[in-house]
Amino acid sequence: MQSPQVTDKSSAKASDQKPSIDKLLVILTFTLIAIGIVTVFDASYGPNLQEHKNPATLLIKQARWALIGLGCLLATTVIPYWYWRRYTIPVISIAVIMLGLVLVPHIGHELNGAKRWIGPGSIQLQPSEFAKLALVLYLAHWCSISRNKIRDLKNGLSRPLAVMLLLAFLIERAPDLGTTIVLCSTGLTVMYLAGARRRHLGSLIFAAAVAVTLYSVSKPYRLHRLTAFMDPKAYQLNNGYQVWHGLLALGSAGVPGMGLGDGIEKLNVPMAPTDFIFAVIGEEWGLIGTLTLLGLFLLVAARGYTIAHNTKDPFGSLLAAGLTSLISLQTIINVAVVTSTIPNTGVPLPFISYGGSALLLMMTSIGLLLNISRHPNGKPKNPENDTESTPSERDFERRWERRPYVPRYDRSSPVDIPAPPDSPARAGEFLRPGAGSPARPKSKKPHRHTPVGVAPRNTERHDRRW
């Protein structure tokens, strides 16, 4: 028979053990990164040879960014995620400043008619990618401390909406409609998961759809891109050239594909290593390869939402859900563009497309998800300096444990109770339960919201009812 001391020691040791990181998410992440590096080299090898360039140029750059991203992943995995909460305002401010610098002449770098990069030489960053992470971090922080205000559009939801619209406006001025849609979709998803009213979000989505429609027909090249989406074959020689050859790459592969390196349409598809890299995978890996890749992204989304569901800390739960939604929505939009399900807009495929800023964002997001998976209970509380939890934390714990709602106040905490008539306390004073001394006298000052010239309300009746 086992002694009770041994049982107590084993149970204490089991309770002291911290949950490990999500190993499946780590395997999925590095698998996707490896697929991306190989596919970027495959998609850029032929065009670089035609232009008499080094065939391994993009391979070297993508591998270098992957090493830098590995450092970001390790840093965000080791540093507790709640430490980043205190830097939400500086981070969102830096994102706004960087997006503003992109629009300044001689600072922002222009490519294909769009200003989206800043930085000297080959070390160029895309501030819009940094803005996505900044917005998710800010929304997770604000929604976790203002869960009782988010259902109020005027006094609560308007503040995060203003921040999101400011970032969206600066990104749209680049112009970059695809990133703007990803940013706003992720922000609205976080607000919905935090408890915002459906009618408020529905009205915002309707207004956004009208704004995107008007934006799409505001200039001739956007209108031509929209008409090419309706019939890519009819416009295959001009505005529908990229979409049509992407569809040819997907349709000519069959089930097994043409084999790695044997694709032909990758030489004809513009921006093959970036926005249309899914067409290269579809042509060379076939239906089996595309379904396998989508299955990997589906597993990443499942692990991310599972981490968000298992986290009791409101900030950690919303942060994990927001980062997972960012990866999932960006994947859906990229695949929908390549398959001509939605009009053509430039959005990279996470972990796969060529681009240093996008890869840094995705690996940093995975590092935060891994750190949240290590701390499902949130920040550990010091029993010696344990402070009272905030109302939002108590509400989250009540919903998590499925406890009934207790109106007005928490019955386990001391509250002000009027002194009985036969109490030795003076009239108008209050006593706390278990305390032997009066707490505070009744205030005789008028209500602070009472207009000038209007009699104050009956405070004695209000205090007696409470």
Protein backbone atom coordinates (compact mmCIF):
# COMPACT_ATOMS: atom_id res chain seq x y z
CA MET A 1 0.00 0.00 0.00
CA GLN A 2 1.37 3.38 -0.95
CA SER A 3 1.95 5.79 1.89
CA PRO A 4 -0.01 9.08 1.94
CA GLN A 5 3.25 11.06 2.09
CA VAL A 6 4.40 9.63 -1.24
CA THR A 7 1.00 10.37 -2.78
CA ASP A 8 1.08 13.96 -1.55
CA LYS A 9 4.60 14.47 -2.90
CA SER A 10 3.70 13.04 -6.29
CA SER A 11 0.55 15.17 -6.55
CA ALA A 12 2.45 18.29 -5.50
CA LYS A 13 5.16 17.56 -8.05
CA ALA A 14 2.54 17.06 -10.76
CA SER A 15 0.88 20.36 -9.87
CA ASP A 16 4.22 22.19 -9.99
CA GLN A 17 5.00 20.96 -13.49
CA LYS A 18 4.36 23.59 -16.15
CA PRO A 19 2.64 22.64 -19.42
CA SER A 20 5.09 22.19 -22.27
CA ILE A 21 4.90 23.98 -25.58
CA ASP A 22 2.69 22.71 -28.35
CA LYS A 23 5.05 20.33 -30.18
CA LEU A 24 2.63 19.71 -33.03
CA LEU A 25 2.47 23.44 -33.76
CA VAL A 26 6.28 23.58 -33.83
CA ILE A 27 6.45 20.70 -36.33
CA LEU A 28 3.76 22.26 -38.53
CA THR A 29 5.49 25.64 -38.51
CA PHE A 30 8.91 24.38 -39.56
CA THR A 31 7.32 22.10 -42.16
CA LEU A 32 5.57 25.05 -43.78
CA ILE A 33 8.74 27.17 -43.66
CA ALA A 34 10.74 24.38 -45.35
CA ILE A 35 8.08 24.02 -48.05
CA GLY A 36 8.13 27.79 -48.57
CA ILE A 37 11.92 28.00 -48.99
CA VAL A 38 11.97 25.14 -51.51
CA THR A 39 9.03 26.53 -53.47
CA VAL A 40 10.46 30.07 -53.56
CA PHE A 41 13.67 28.69 -55.07
CA ASP A 42 11.69 26.58 -57.53
CA ALA A 43 9.50 29.51 -58.62
CA SER A 44 12.40 31.98 -59.00
CA TYR A 45 15.02 29.68 -60.57
CA GLY A 46 13.77 29.87 -64.16
CA PRO A 47 12.98 33.62 -64.29
CA ASN A 48 16.38 34.46 -62.78
CA LEU A 49 18.14 32.38 -65.43
CA GLN A 50 16.20 34.15 -68.17
CA GLU A 51 17.30 37.52 -66.76
CA HIS A 52 20.93 36.32 -66.34
CA LYS A 53 20.82 36.62 -62.56
CA ASN A 54 21.96 34.32 -59.77
CA PRO A 55 19.32 31.55 -59.61
CA ALA A 56 19.68 31.28 -55.83
CA THR A 57 19.14 34.99 -55.08
CA LEU A 58 15.67 34.66 -53.54
CA LEU A 59 16.63 31.38 -51.87
CA ILE A 60 19.49 33.06 -49.99
CA LYS A 61 17.33 36.03 -48.99
CA GLN A 62 14.43 33.88 -47.81
CA ALA A 63 16.77 31.62 -45.79
CA ARG A 64 18.33 34.70 -44.19
CA TRP A 65 14.93 36.05 -43.21
CA ALA A 66 14.00 32.62 -41.86
CA LEU A 67 17.03 32.70 -39.54
CA ILE A 68 16.08 36.16 -38.30
CA GLY A 69 12.51 34.94 -37.84
CA LEU A 70 13.81 31.98 -35.85
CA GLY A 71 15.36 34.45 -33.41
CA CYS A 72 12.03 36.28 -33.12
CA LEU A 73 10.22 32.97 -32.58
CA LEU A 74 12.61 31.91 -29.80
CA ALA A 75 12.43 35.32 -28.11
CA THR A 76 8.62 35.41 -28.07
CA THR A 77 8.54 31.79 -26.90
CA VAL A 78 10.80 32.46 -23.91
CA ILE A 79 9.50 35.90 -22.83
CA PRO A 80 6.12 35.57 -21.06
CA TYR A 81 3.41 36.93 -23.27
CA TRP A 82 1.88 39.18 -20.57
CA TYR A 83 5.08 41.29 -20.58
CA TRP A 84 4.10 42.62 -24.01
CA ARG A 85 0.85 43.94 -22.59
CA ARG A 86 2.46 47.01 -21.08
CA TYR A 87 3.89 47.99 -24.48
CA THR A 88 0.62 47.99 -26.44
CA ILE A 89 0.38 51.79 -26.70
CA PRO A 90 4.06 52.27 -27.74
CA VAL A 91 3.75 49.43 -30.27
CA ILE A 92 0.61 50.85 -31.89
CA SER A 93 2.22 54.32 -31.93
CA ILE A 94 5.33 52.97 -33.67
CA ALA A 95 3.11 51.23 -36.24
CA VAL A 96 1.32 54.50 -37.04
CA ILE A 97 4.63 56.37 -37.37
CA MET A 98 6.11 53.71 -39.67
CA LEU A 99 3.02 53.70 -41.88
CA GLY A 100 3.23 57.48 -42.09
CA LEU A 101 6.90 57.35 -43.08
CA VAL A 102 6.05 55.09 -46.01
CA LEU A 103 4.06 57.94 -47.56
CA VAL A 104 6.89 60.48 -47.16
CA PRO A 105 8.84 61.09 -50.41
CA HIS A 106 12.41 59.75 -50.52
CA ILE A 107 11.74 57.54 -47.47
CA GLY A 108 9.15 55.06 -48.71
CA HIS A 109 10.30 52.75 -51.51
CA GLU A 110 7.99 52.33 -54.49
CA LEU A 111 7.59 49.10 -56.49
CA ASN A 112 5.02 48.44 -59.22
CA GLY A 113 3.24 51.70 -58.45
CA ALA A 114 2.86 51.08 -54.69
CA LYS A 115 4.81 52.50 -51.73
CA ARG A 116 4.94 49.80 -49.07
CA TRP A 117 8.55 49.48 -47.90
CA ILE A 118 11.03 51.48 -45.85
CA GLY A 119 14.66 50.82 -45.04
CA PRO A 120 18.10 51.14 -46.61
CA GLY A 121 19.39 48.89 -49.37
CA SER A 122 18.31 45.27 -49.32
CA ILE A 123 17.12 45.45 -45.70
CA GLN A 124 13.64 46.75 -46.38
CA LEU A 125 10.65 46.22 -44.12
CA GLN A 126 6.95 46.41 -44.83
CA PRO A 127 5.32 48.38 -41.98
CA SER A 128 1.84 47.07 -42.84
CA GLU A 129 2.90 43.60 -41.64
CA PHE A 130 4.06 45.08 -38.35
CA ALA A 131 0.73 46.95 -38.09
CA LYS A 132 -1.21 43.66 -38.16
CA LEU A 133 0.60 42.36 -35.09
CA ALA A 134 0.31 45.73 -33.35
CA LEU A 135 -3.45 45.82 -33.91
CA VAL A 136 -4.01 42.28 -32.59
CA LEU A 137 -1.91 43.05 -29.51
CA TYR A 138 -3.80 46.29 -28.86
CA LEU A 139 -7.25 44.78 -29.37
CA ALA A 140 -6.47 41.83 -27.10
CA HIS A 141 -5.32 44.22 -24.37
CA TRP A 142 -8.22 46.65 -24.70
CA CYS A 143 -10.95 44.03 -25.01
CA SER A 144 -9.63 42.08 -22.00
CA ILE A 145 -9.81 45.12 -19.70
CA SER A 146 -13.03 46.58 -21.15
CA ARG A 147 -15.25 43.57 -21.64
CA ASN A 148 -18.19 45.40 -20.05
CA LYS A 149 -17.80 48.36 -22.47
CA ILE A 150 -17.37 46.57 -25.76
CA ARG A 151 -21.12 46.09 -26.18
CA ASP A 152 -21.56 49.88 -26.15
CA LEU A 153 -20.83 51.33 -29.59
CA LYS A 154 -20.51 54.97 -28.55
CA ASN A 155 -18.61 54.75 -25.27
CA GLY A 156 -16.75 51.49 -25.75
CA LEU A 157 -16.36 50.01 -29.23
CA SER A 158 -15.63 53.37 -30.86
CA ARG A 159 -12.09 53.53 -29.42
CA PRO A 160 -10.66 50.31 -30.92
CA LEU A 161 -12.56 51.02 -34.14
CA ALA A 162 -10.85 54.41 -34.42
CA VAL A 163 -7.42 52.79 -34.03
CA MET A 164 -8.23 50.10 -36.60
CA LEU A 165 -9.59 52.61 -39.12
CA LEU A 166 -6.53 54.83 -38.70
CA LEU A 167 -4.21 51.93 -39.54
CA ALA A 168 -6.47 50.86 -42.41
CA PHE A 169 -6.47 54.39 -43.87
CA LEU A 170 -2.67 54.63 -43.78
CA ILE A 171 -2.28 51.20 -45.39
CA GLU A 172 -4.84 52.01 -48.09
CA ARG A 173 -2.90 55.15 -49.06
CA ALA A 174 0.03 52.92 -50.14
CA PRO A 175 -2.22 51.60 -51.84
CA ASP A 176 -2.66 48.09 -50.45
CA LEU A 177 -6.27 46.96 -50.46
CA GLY A 178 -5.49 43.30 -49.70
CA THR A 179 -3.62 44.06 -46.47
CA THR A 180 -6.36 46.52 -45.48
CA ILE A 181 -9.00 43.79 -45.85
CA VAL A 182 -6.90 41.33 -43.82
CA LEU A 183 -6.32 43.92 -41.09
CA CYS A 184 -9.98 44.90 -40.75
CA SER A 185 -11.22 41.30 -40.94
CA THR A 186 -8.85 40.25 -38.15
CA GLY A 187 -9.84 43.22 -36.01
CA LEU A 188 -13.57 42.55 -36.38
CA THR A 189 -12.98 38.88 -35.55
CA VAL A 190 -11.23 39.76 -32.30
CA MET A 191 -14.03 42.17 -31.37
CA TYR A 192 -16.64 39.50 -32.09
CA LEU A 193 -14.83 36.94 -29.95
CA ALA A 194 -14.52 39.53 -27.17
CA GLY A 195 -18.31 39.93 -27.01
CA ALA A 196 -19.23 42.83 -29.32
CA ARG A 197 -22.84 43.02 -30.46
CA ARG A 198 -23.62 41.30 -33.72
CA ARG A 199 -25.74 44.15 -35.04
CA HIS A 200 -22.86 46.59 -34.53
CA LEU A 201 -20.40 44.33 -36.34
CA GLY A 202 -22.95 43.57 -39.06
CA SER A 203 -23.44 47.27 -39.72
CA LEU A 204 -19.67 47.75 -39.88
CA ILE A 205 -19.27 44.86 -42.32
CA PHE A 206 -22.02 46.26 -44.55
CA ALA A 207 -20.41 49.71 -44.51
CA ALA A 208 -17.01 48.17 -45.29
CA ALA A 209 -18.47 46.22 -48.23
CA VAL A 210 -19.97 49.41 -49.67
CA ALA A 211 -16.68 51.26 -49.18
CA VAL A 212 -14.66 48.50 -50.90
CA THR A 213 -17.10 48.46 -53.82
CA LEU A 214 -16.84 52.23 -54.29
CA TYR A 215 -13.06 52.01 -53.94
CA SER A 216 -12.87 49.28 -56.59
CA VAL A 217 -14.66 51.39 -59.21
CA SER A 218 -13.03 54.71 -58.30
CA LYS A 219 -10.13 54.35 -60.78
CA PRO A 220 -9.99 52.75 -64.23
CA TYR A 221 -7.31 50.14 -63.47
CA ARG A 222 -9.29 48.88 -60.48
CA LEU A 223 -12.45 48.67 -62.57
CA HIS A 224 -10.56 46.75 -65.27
CA ARG A 225 -9.27 44.32 -62.67
CA LEU A 226 -12.84 43.78 -61.48
CA THR A 227 -14.12 43.10 -64.99
CA ALA A 228 -11.22 40.70 -65.60
CA PHE A 229 -12.30 38.78 -62.50
CA MET A 230 -15.73 38.26 -64.01
CA ASP A 231 -14.27 36.64 -67.16
CA PRO A 232 -10.49 35.95 -66.94
CA LYS A 233 -10.39 34.14 -70.29
CA ALA A 234 -11.78 37.12 -72.19
CA TYR A 235 -9.10 39.39 -70.70
CA GLN A 236 -6.24 36.88 -70.68
CA LEU A 237 -3.97 39.14 -72.75
CA ASN A 238 -4.21 42.22 -70.50
CA ASN A 239 -5.86 42.62 -67.09
CA GLY A 240 -6.68 38.95 -66.59
CA TYR A 241 -3.25 37.65 -67.61
CA GLN A 242 -2.06 36.77 -64.10
CA VAL A 243 -5.30 35.15 -62.95
CA TRP A 244 -5.72 33.20 -66.21
CA HIS A 245 -2.25 31.68 -66.11
CA GLY A 246 -2.72 30.88 -62.43
CA LEU A 247 -5.87 28.95 -63.32
CA LEU A 248 -4.00 27.18 -66.13
CA ALA A 249 -1.30 26.14 -63.65
CA LEU A 250 -3.88 24.69 -61.25
CA GLY A 251 -5.96 23.01 -63.95
CA SER A 252 -3.17 21.41 -65.98
CA ALA A 253 -1.52 19.58 -63.08
CA GLY A 254 -4.04 16.82 -62.46
CA VAL A 255 -4.00 14.73 -59.30
CA PRO A 256 -0.27 13.84 -58.97
CA GLY A 257 1.14 17.05 -60.47
CA MET A 258 3.95 17.58 -62.97
CA GLY A 259 6.72 17.08 -60.42
CA LEU A 260 8.98 19.42 -58.49
CA GLY A 261 10.81 21.77 -60.87
CA ASP A 262 8.89 20.63 -63.97
CA GLY A 263 6.24 23.35 -63.97
CA ILE A 264 5.81 25.52 -67.06
CA GLU A 265 3.27 28.18 -66.08
CA LYS A 266 5.54 29.48 -63.31
CA LEU A 267 7.51 31.14 -66.11
CA ASN A 268 4.37 32.96 -67.27
CA VAL A 269 2.66 33.86 -63.98
CA PRO A 270 3.72 37.31 -62.74
CA MET A 271 4.75 37.49 -59.08
CA ALA A 272 4.97 33.69 -58.91
CA PRO A 273 7.28 33.54 -55.82
CA THR A 274 5.03 35.91 -53.83
CA ASP A 275 1.28 36.31 -54.32
CA PHE A 276 0.75 33.41 -56.76
CA ILE A 277 3.03 30.81 -55.22
CA PHE A 278 -0.01 28.60 -54.54
CA ALA A 279 -0.40 28.23 -58.34
CA VAL A 280 3.19 26.96 -58.56
CA ILE A 281 2.49 24.39 -55.82
CA GLY A 282 -0.72 23.34 -57.57
CA GLU A 283 1.01 22.84 -60.92
CA GLU A 284 3.97 20.82 -59.65
CA TRP A 285 2.40 18.98 -56.70
CA GLY A 286 -1.09 18.54 -58.13
CA LEU A 287 -4.29 18.06 -56.20
CA ILE A 288 -2.54 15.89 -53.62
CA GLY A 289 -0.01 18.60 -52.84
CA THR A 290 -2.54 21.43 -52.60
CA LEU A 291 -4.85 19.44 -50.32
CA THR A 292 -1.89 18.45 -48.16
CA LEU A 293 -0.81 22.09 -47.86
CA LEU A 294 -4.33 23.21 -46.98
CA GLY A 295 -4.49 20.40 -44.42
CA LEU A 296 -1.33 21.73 -42.77
CA PHE A 297 -2.86 25.21 -42.53
CA LEU A 298 -6.05 23.69 -41.14
CA LEU A 299 -4.05 21.94 -38.41
CA VAL A 300 -2.27 25.20 -37.56
CA ALA A 301 -5.64 26.93 -37.20
CA ALA A 302 -6.99 24.08 -35.07
CA ARG A 303 -3.99 24.18 -32.73
CA GLY A 304 -4.18 27.97 -32.46
CA TYR A 305 -7.87 28.06 -31.58
CA THR A 306 -7.36 25.16 -29.16
CA ILE A 307 -4.68 27.17 -27.36
CA ALA A 308 -7.05 30.15 -27.23
CA HIS A 309 -9.86 27.97 -25.82
CA ASN A 310 -7.66 26.38 -23.15
CA THR A 311 -6.29 29.71 -21.89
CA LYS A 312 -8.12 31.16 -18.88
CA ASP A 313 -6.46 34.56 -19.10
CA PRO A 314 -8.68 36.89 -21.19
CA PHE A 315 -5.70 38.70 -22.71
CA GLY A 316 -3.91 35.49 -23.65
CA SER A 317 -7.07 33.90 -25.03
CA LEU A 318 -7.92 36.89 -27.25
CA LEU A 319 -4.29 37.26 -28.36
CA ALA A 320 -4.09 33.61 -29.41
CA ALA A 321 -7.44 33.80 -31.20
CA GLY A 322 -6.44 37.02 -32.98
CA LEU A 323 -3.10 35.67 -34.21
CA THR A 324 -4.72 32.44 -35.39
CA SER A 325 -7.43 34.40 -37.19
CA LEU A 326 -4.76 36.54 -38.86
CA ILE A 327 -2.97 33.47 -40.24
CA SER A 328 -6.23 31.77 -41.28
CA LEU A 329 -7.82 34.78 -42.99
CA GLN A 330 -4.65 35.59 -44.91
CA THR A 331 -4.46 32.00 -46.12
CA ILE A 332 -8.11 31.99 -47.21
CA ILE A 333 -7.78 35.27 -49.12
CA ASN A 334 -4.60 34.19 -50.93
CA VAL A 335 -6.08 30.86 -52.03
CA ALA A 336 -9.33 32.58 -53.06
CA VAL A 337 -7.42 35.06 -55.24
CA VAL A 338 -5.37 32.36 -56.99
CA THR A 339 -8.47 30.25 -57.66
CA SER A 340 -10.33 33.38 -58.92
CA THR A 341 -12.95 33.11 -56.19
CA ILE A 342 -12.53 36.80 -55.31
CA PRO A 343 -10.99 39.66 -57.34
CA ASN A 344 -7.23 39.83 -57.58
CA THR A 345 -5.52 41.57 -54.65
CA GLY A 346 -1.99 41.17 -53.36
CA VAL A 347 -1.87 39.05 -50.20
CA PRO A 348 1.05 36.67 -49.50
CA LEU A 349 0.53 33.04 -48.48
CA PRO A 350 1.72 32.67 -44.83
CA PHE A 351 5.08 30.89 -44.36
CA ILE A 352 5.24 30.08 -48.10
CA SER A 353 5.42 33.29 -50.15
CA TYR A 354 8.67 35.17 -50.55
CA GLY A 355 8.94 38.19 -48.27
CA GLY A 356 10.96 38.94 -45.17
CA SER A 357 8.42 41.09 -43.30
CA ALA A 358 5.59 38.59 -43.79
CA LEU A 359 7.78 35.70 -42.64
CA LEU A 360 8.91 37.62 -39.54
CA LEU A 361 5.28 38.38 -38.68
CA MET A 362 4.20 34.75 -39.01
CA MET A 363 7.10 33.34 -36.98
CA THR A 364 6.62 35.96 -34.26
CA SER A 365 2.92 35.04 -34.12
CA ILE A 366 3.79 31.36 -33.75
CA GLY A 367 6.24 32.22 -30.95
CA LEU A 368 3.49 34.05 -29.07
CA LEU A 369 1.12 31.11 -29.57
CA LEU A 370 3.74 28.72 -28.20
CA ASN A 371 4.29 30.94 -25.17
CA ILE A 372 0.55 31.14 -24.49
CA SER A 373 0.36 27.34 -24.70
CA ARG A 374 2.99 27.15 -21.92
CA HIS A 375 0.89 29.37 -19.61
CA PRO A 376 -2.76 28.30 -19.94
CA ASN A 377 -3.59 29.90 -16.58
CA GLY A 378 -2.03 33.23 -17.47
CA LYS A 379 0.32 35.17 -15.27
CA PRO A 380 1.11 33.24 -12.06
CA LYS A 381 0.01 35.11 -8.96
CA ASN A 382 2.32 35.62 -6.01
CA PRO A 383 0.45 34.42 -2.90
CA GLU A 384 2.23 37.00 -0.76
CA ASN A 385 1.29 39.96 -2.97
CA ASP A 386 -1.91 38.63 -4.46
CA THR A 387 -4.09 41.55 -5.52
CA GLU A 388 -7.79 41.39 -6.23
CA SER A 389 -8.67 40.38 -9.76
CA THR A 390 -10.27 42.89 -12.10
CA PRO A 391 -14.00 42.75 -12.94
CA SER A 392 -13.24 41.52 -16.45
CA GLU A 393 -11.13 38.66 -15.09
CA ARG A 394 -13.88 37.69 -12.65
CA ASP A 395 -16.46 37.75 -15.43
CA PHE A 396 -14.24 35.58 -17.65
CA GLU A 397 -13.66 33.07 -14.85
CA ARG A 398 -17.40 32.95 -14.12
CA ARG A 399 -18.23 32.21 -17.75
CA TRP A 400 -15.41 29.66 -17.97
CA GLU A 401 -16.58 27.79 -14.84
CA ARG A 402 -20.26 28.17 -15.86
CA ARG A 403 -21.22 29.80 -12.59
CA PRO A 404 -24.46 31.82 -12.39
CA TYR A 405 -24.32 35.60 -12.56
CA VAL A 406 -24.57 37.35 -9.17
CA PRO A 407 -26.12 40.79 -9.67
CA ARG A 408 -24.95 44.10 -8.15
CA TYR A 409 -21.91 42.84 -6.24
CA ASP A 410 -19.82 39.81 -5.38
CA ARG A 411 -21.35 38.25 -2.25
CA SER A 412 -18.00 36.86 -1.15
CA SER A 413 -16.51 40.36 -0.81
CA PRO A 414 -17.37 42.82 2.00
CA VAL A 415 -20.03 45.37 1.11
CA ASP A 416 -21.54 48.37 2.82
CA ILE A 417 -24.64 47.42 4.84
CA PRO A 418 -26.79 49.98 6.66
CA ALA A 419 -26.46 49.85 10.43
CA PRO A 420 -29.59 48.52 12.23
CA PRO A 421 -31.75 51.01 14.19
CA ASP A 422 -30.64 49.66 17.57
CA SER A 423 -26.96 49.73 16.63
CA PRO A 424 -24.63 51.87 18.75
CA ALA A 425 -23.36 53.46 15.55
CA ARG A 426 -24.45 56.98 14.81
CA ALA A 427 -27.32 57.55 12.40
CA GLY A 428 -26.34 57.74 8.77
CA GLU A 429 -23.21 55.55 9.16
CA PHE A 430 -22.49 52.18 7.64
CA LEU A 431 -20.89 49.07 9.05
CA ARG A 432 -18.99 46.37 7.18
CA PRO A 433 -19.75 42.73 7.99
CA GLY A 434 -17.43 41.52 10.73
CA ALA A 435 -16.05 44.97 11.46
CA GLY A 436 -16.54 46.67 14.80
CA SER A 437 -16.05 50.26 13.71
CA PRO A 438 -18.11 52.44 11.40
CA ALA A 439 -16.87 52.61 7.81
CA ARG A 440 -17.93 55.98 6.47
CA PRO A 441 -20.62 58.60 7.11
CA LYS A 442 -23.30 59.32 4.57
CA SER A 443 -22.27 62.02 2.17
CA LYS A 444 -24.45 65.15 2.17
CA LYS A 445 -22.97 66.57 -1.01
CA PRO A 446 -25.26 66.82 -4.04
CA HIS A 447 -24.82 64.36 -6.87
CA ARG A 448 -21.99 65.38 -9.15
CA HIS A 449 -24.17 65.11 -12.24
CA THR A 450 -26.90 67.36 -10.79
CA PRO A 451 -27.34 70.46 -13.01
CA VAL A 452 -27.08 73.90 -11.48
CA GLY A 453 -30.42 75.12 -10.14
CA VAL A 454 -31.93 71.63 -9.86
CA ALA A 455 -32.61 70.02 -6.48
CA PRO A 456 -30.42 66.99 -5.72
CA ARG A 457 -31.97 63.54 -5.72
CA ASN A 458 -32.95 61.71 -2.55
CA THR A 459 -29.59 60.18 -1.58
CA GLU A 460 -31.00 58.73 1.65
CA ARG A 461 -33.50 56.62 -0.29
CA HIS A 462 -30.75 55.48 -2.71
CA ASP A 463 -28.43 54.46 0.16
CA ARG A 464 -31.19 52.62 2.01
CA ARG A 465 -32.07 50.61 -1.08
CA TRP A 466 -28.39 49.65 -1.55
